[in-house]
């Protein structure tokens, strides 16, 4: 999936549109959390072995 370019200002529609800054930031945060979790699991596995 490509990078989503957020719109300048939130339209406050319900449900939020895909390009809403709130949605984009939430998606980026989730992506970063998944990446950090994988890194921590890999580090723990290496330490256990």
N, C-alpha and C. Protein backbone atom coordinates (compact mmCIF):
# COMPACT_ATOMS: atom_id res chain seq x y z
N UNK A 1 0.85 -1.18 0.00
CA UNK A 1 0.00 0.00 0.00
C UNK A 1 0.89 1.23 0.00
N UNK A 2 0.55 2.20 -0.81
CA UNK A 2 1.34 3.41 -0.92
C UNK A 2 1.07 4.37 0.22
N UNK A 3 1.86 5.39 0.27
CA UNK A 3 1.72 6.42 1.28
C UNK A 3 0.48 7.26 0.99
N UNK A 4 -0.33 7.50 2.01
CA UNK A 4 -1.54 8.30 1.87
C UNK A 4 -1.22 9.74 2.23
N UNK A 5 -1.55 10.66 1.34
CA UNK A 5 -1.31 12.07 1.59
C UNK A 5 -2.54 12.65 2.28
N UNK A 6 -2.40 13.16 3.50
CA UNK A 6 -3.56 13.70 4.21
C UNK A 6 -4.02 15.04 3.64
N UNK A 7 -5.30 15.31 3.81
CA UNK A 7 -5.82 16.62 3.43
C UNK A 7 -5.36 17.63 4.48
N UNK A 8 -5.43 18.91 4.17
CA UNK A 8 -4.92 19.94 5.07
C UNK A 8 -5.72 20.03 6.37
N UNK A 9 -7.04 19.91 6.26
CA UNK A 9 -7.89 20.10 7.43
C UNK A 9 -8.94 19.00 7.48
N UNK A 10 -9.27 18.54 8.67
CA UNK A 10 -10.27 17.49 8.84
C UNK A 10 -11.66 18.03 8.52
N UNK A 11 -12.44 17.23 7.76
CA UNK A 11 -13.79 17.66 7.41
C UNK A 11 -14.81 17.26 8.49
N UNK A 12 -14.36 16.46 9.47
CA UNK A 12 -15.19 16.01 10.61
C UNK A 12 -16.41 15.21 10.18
N UNK A 13 -16.30 14.52 9.06
CA UNK A 13 -17.40 13.67 8.62
C UNK A 13 -17.42 12.39 9.45
N UNK A 14 -18.55 11.70 9.44
CA UNK A 14 -18.67 10.44 10.16
C UNK A 14 -19.10 9.39 9.17
N UNK A 15 -18.40 8.32 8.94
CA UNK A 15 -17.08 8.00 9.49
C UNK A 15 -16.00 8.86 8.83
N UNK A 16 -14.86 8.90 9.45
CA UNK A 16 -13.78 9.73 8.93
C UNK A 16 -13.29 9.20 7.57
N UNK A 17 -12.95 10.13 6.68
CA UNK A 17 -12.46 9.72 5.36
C UNK A 17 -11.03 9.18 5.50
N UNK A 18 -10.57 8.44 4.48
CA UNK A 18 -9.25 7.82 4.53
C UNK A 18 -8.13 8.86 4.57
N UNK A 19 -8.36 10.01 3.97
CA UNK A 19 -7.32 11.03 3.88
C UNK A 19 -7.34 12.03 5.03
N UNK A 20 -8.21 11.82 5.99
CA UNK A 20 -8.31 12.71 7.15
C UNK A 20 -6.99 12.66 7.94
N UNK A 21 -6.47 13.79 8.40
CA UNK A 21 -5.22 13.80 9.16
C UNK A 21 -5.27 12.89 10.40
N UNK A 22 -6.42 12.81 11.03
CA UNK A 22 -6.56 11.96 12.23
C UNK A 22 -6.36 10.49 11.87
N UNK A 23 -6.97 10.06 10.77
CA UNK A 23 -6.87 8.67 10.33
C UNK A 23 -5.45 8.36 9.89
N UNK A 24 -4.84 9.27 9.15
CA UNK A 24 -3.48 9.05 8.66
C UNK A 24 -2.50 8.94 9.83
N UNK A 25 -2.61 9.82 10.80
CA UNK A 25 -1.72 9.77 11.96
C UNK A 25 -1.92 8.49 12.76
N UNK A 26 -3.18 8.06 12.91
CA UNK A 26 -3.48 6.82 13.63
C UNK A 26 -2.85 5.63 12.91
N UNK A 27 -2.95 5.61 11.60
CA UNK A 27 -2.38 4.52 10.80
C UNK A 27 -0.86 4.49 10.93
N UNK A 28 -0.23 5.66 10.89
CA UNK A 28 1.23 5.73 11.03
C UNK A 28 1.67 5.26 12.41
N UNK A 29 0.91 5.62 13.44
CA UNK A 29 1.23 5.20 14.80
C UNK A 29 1.13 3.69 14.95
N UNK A 30 0.07 3.11 14.39
CA UNK A 30 -0.10 1.65 14.44
C UNK A 30 1.03 0.94 13.71
N UNK A 31 1.43 1.50 12.58
CA UNK A 31 2.52 0.93 11.80
C UNK A 31 3.82 0.96 12.61
N UNK A 32 4.08 2.06 13.29
CA UNK A 32 5.29 2.19 14.10
C UNK A 32 5.26 1.22 15.29
N UNK A 33 4.08 1.05 15.90
CA UNK A 33 3.96 0.12 17.02
C UNK A 33 4.23 -1.32 16.59
N UNK A 34 3.70 -1.71 15.42
CA UNK A 34 3.94 -3.06 14.91
C UNK A 34 5.42 -3.28 14.65
N UNK A 35 6.06 -2.28 14.08
CA UNK A 35 7.49 -2.37 13.77
C UNK A 35 8.30 -2.51 15.07
N UNK A 36 7.95 -1.74 16.09
CA UNK A 36 8.65 -1.81 17.38
C UNK A 36 8.42 -3.17 18.05
N UNK A 37 7.21 -3.71 17.92
CA UNK A 37 6.90 -5.01 18.52
C UNK A 37 7.72 -6.11 17.85
N UNK A 38 7.81 -6.08 16.54
CA UNK A 38 8.61 -7.08 15.83
C UNK A 38 10.07 -7.00 16.24
N UNK A 39 10.57 -5.77 16.38
CA UNK A 39 11.96 -5.57 16.78
C UNK A 39 12.19 -6.12 18.18
N UNK A 40 11.26 -5.88 19.09
CA UNK A 40 11.38 -6.37 20.47
C UNK A 40 11.32 -7.89 20.52
N UNK A 41 10.43 -8.49 19.72
CA UNK A 41 10.33 -9.95 19.69
C UNK A 41 11.61 -10.57 19.15
N UNK A 42 12.16 -9.95 18.12
CA UNK A 42 13.40 -10.46 17.52
C UNK A 42 14.55 -10.37 18.53
N UNK A 43 14.60 -9.26 19.26
CA UNK A 43 15.65 -9.07 20.26
C UNK A 43 15.51 -10.07 21.40
N UNK A 44 14.27 -10.33 21.83
CA UNK A 44 14.01 -11.29 22.91
C UNK A 44 14.36 -12.70 22.46
N UNK A 45 14.06 -13.04 21.22
CA UNK A 45 14.38 -14.37 20.70
C UNK A 45 15.89 -14.56 20.62
N UNK A 46 16.58 -13.52 20.21
CA UNK A 46 18.04 -13.59 20.11
C UNK A 46 18.67 -13.74 21.50
N UNK A 47 18.11 -13.04 22.48
CA UNK A 47 18.61 -13.10 23.85
C UNK A 47 18.36 -14.47 24.47
N UNK A 48 17.21 -15.08 24.15
CA UNK A 48 16.85 -16.39 24.71
C UNK A 48 17.71 -17.49 24.10
N UNK A 49 18.13 -17.32 22.89
CA UNK A 49 18.91 -18.38 22.22
C UNK A 49 20.37 -18.35 22.56
